[in-house]
Amino acid sequence: ILNILHNVNNHNLLHYIGNGNGNLALNDNPPRNVNYLVFEYVSKFYLYDYLMFGRLTERQAKLLFKKILNGVQAIHNANICQKDITPENIIFEENNNKH
């Protein structure tokens, strides 16, 4: 699945960079082994947060919906199923591009 994610290249999706595992120590807790995924950095906020303070115009909503469908089509074409499309999982970049 990780190889598939690495090869899905669509400007409406966060780009998967890699994965690994290592030790993580937080505060005074003993270190523990963790697995991690690395995605591109996006200076962002979530659609959910945006909607808490305002609304999308009809034009913005249509554009956003088109980008969501474009991203979903890209992952479906890679035989990946996204089952958690929620406002908490849709990211706006600082320049208002949506991922």
Protein backbone atom coordinates (compact mmCIF):
# COMPACT_ATOMS: atom_id res chain seq x y z
CA ILE A 1 0.00 0.00 0.00
CA LEU A 2 2.86 2.39 0.81
CA ASN A 3 4.36 1.87 -2.66
CA ILE A 4 0.98 2.67 -4.19
CA LEU A 5 0.69 5.82 -2.06
CA HIS A 6 4.17 6.89 -3.14
CA ASN A 7 3.16 6.58 -6.81
CA VAL A 8 -0.17 8.42 -6.55
CA ASN A 9 0.69 11.82 -7.95
CA ASN A 10 -2.18 14.30 -7.91
CA HIS A 11 -2.04 18.00 -7.05
CA ASN A 12 -5.22 17.67 -4.96
CA LEU A 13 -3.68 15.10 -2.60
CA LEU A 14 -0.93 15.37 -0.01
CA HIS A 15 2.17 13.70 -1.39
CA TYR A 16 3.41 10.66 0.54
CA ILE A 17 7.19 10.84 1.02
CA GLY A 18 8.08 7.80 3.10
CA ASN A 19 7.76 5.87 6.32
CA GLY A 20 9.88 4.38 9.06
CA ASN A 21 10.06 3.48 12.70
CA GLY A 22 12.08 4.58 15.68
CA ASN A 23 12.04 5.40 19.36
CA LEU A 24 10.06 8.31 20.73
CA ALA A 25 10.35 9.70 24.24
CA LEU A 26 7.82 12.29 25.40
CA ASN A 27 8.28 14.22 28.62
CA ASP A 28 9.42 11.88 31.42
CA ASN A 29 7.92 8.75 29.85
CA PRO A 30 10.25 5.93 28.77
CA PRO A 31 11.04 5.73 25.04
CA ARG A 32 8.70 3.59 22.97
CA ASN A 33 8.91 2.19 19.47
CA VAL A 34 6.68 4.04 16.97
CA ASN A 35 5.88 3.72 13.27
CA TYR A 36 5.45 6.89 11.24
CA LEU A 37 4.42 8.15 7.80
CA VAL A 38 5.92 11.26 6.23
CA PHE A 39 3.85 13.52 3.97
CA GLU A 40 4.70 16.82 2.33
CA TYR A 41 4.56 19.87 4.59
CA VAL A 42 1.59 22.14 3.99
CA SER A 43 1.08 25.35 5.93
CA LYS A 44 -2.54 24.59 6.52
CA PHE A 45 -5.83 24.70 8.28
CA TYR A 46 -8.71 22.28 8.00
CA LEU A 47 -12.01 22.84 6.20
CA TYR A 48 -13.78 22.09 9.49
CA ASP A 49 -12.01 25.01 11.19
CA TYR A 50 -12.70 27.29 8.23
CA LEU A 51 -16.41 26.47 8.34
CA MET A 52 -16.56 27.21 12.07
CA PHE A 53 -15.80 30.87 11.31
CA GLY A 54 -17.35 31.41 7.91
CA ARG A 55 -18.99 29.96 4.86
CA LEU A 56 -17.92 29.04 1.38
CA THR A 57 -19.53 30.90 -1.48
CA GLU A 58 -21.32 28.74 -4.03
CA ARG A 59 -18.38 29.23 -6.41
CA GLN A 60 -15.84 28.21 -3.73
CA ALA A 61 -17.92 25.16 -2.80
CA LYS A 62 -18.16 24.02 -6.43
CA LEU A 63 -14.40 24.42 -6.92
CA LEU A 64 -13.67 22.57 -3.68
CA PHE A 65 -16.05 19.74 -4.56
CA LYS A 66 -14.40 19.38 -7.98
CA LYS A 67 -10.96 19.13 -6.31
CA ILE A 68 -12.24 16.56 -3.81
CA LEU A 69 -13.68 14.44 -6.61
CA ASN A 70 -10.42 14.76 -8.56
CA GLY A 71 -8.43 13.52 -5.55
CA VAL A 72 -10.86 10.66 -4.85
CA GLN A 73 -10.69 9.60 -8.50
CA ALA A 74 -6.87 9.53 -8.33
CA ILE A 75 -6.84 7.25 -5.29
CA HIS A 76 -9.59 5.04 -6.73
CA ASN A 77 -7.53 4.69 -9.93
CA ALA A 78 -4.70 3.41 -7.70
CA ASN A 79 -7.11 0.85 -6.17
CA ILE A 80 -7.25 2.68 -2.83
CA CYS A 81 -10.55 3.33 -1.08
CA GLN A 82 -10.89 6.46 1.07
CA LYS A 83 -13.62 5.92 3.65
CA ASP A 84 -13.12 8.98 5.83
CA ILE A 85 -13.75 12.09 3.73
CA THR A 86 -14.73 14.68 6.31
CA PRO A 87 -14.15 18.42 6.77
CA GLU A 88 -11.50 17.47 9.36
CA ASN A 89 -9.53 15.65 6.60
CA ILE A 90 -9.69 18.36 3.92
CA ILE A 91 -6.80 20.79 4.13
CA PHE A 92 -6.56 24.38 2.93
CA GLU A 93 -3.10 25.71 2.18
CA GLU A 94 -2.12 29.23 3.17
CA ASN A 95 -2.65 30.41 -0.41
CA ASN A 96 -6.19 28.92 -0.32
CA ASN A 97 -5.44 25.91 -2.50
CA LYS A 98 -7.27 22.92 -1.14
CA HIS A 99 -5.83 19.40 -0.76
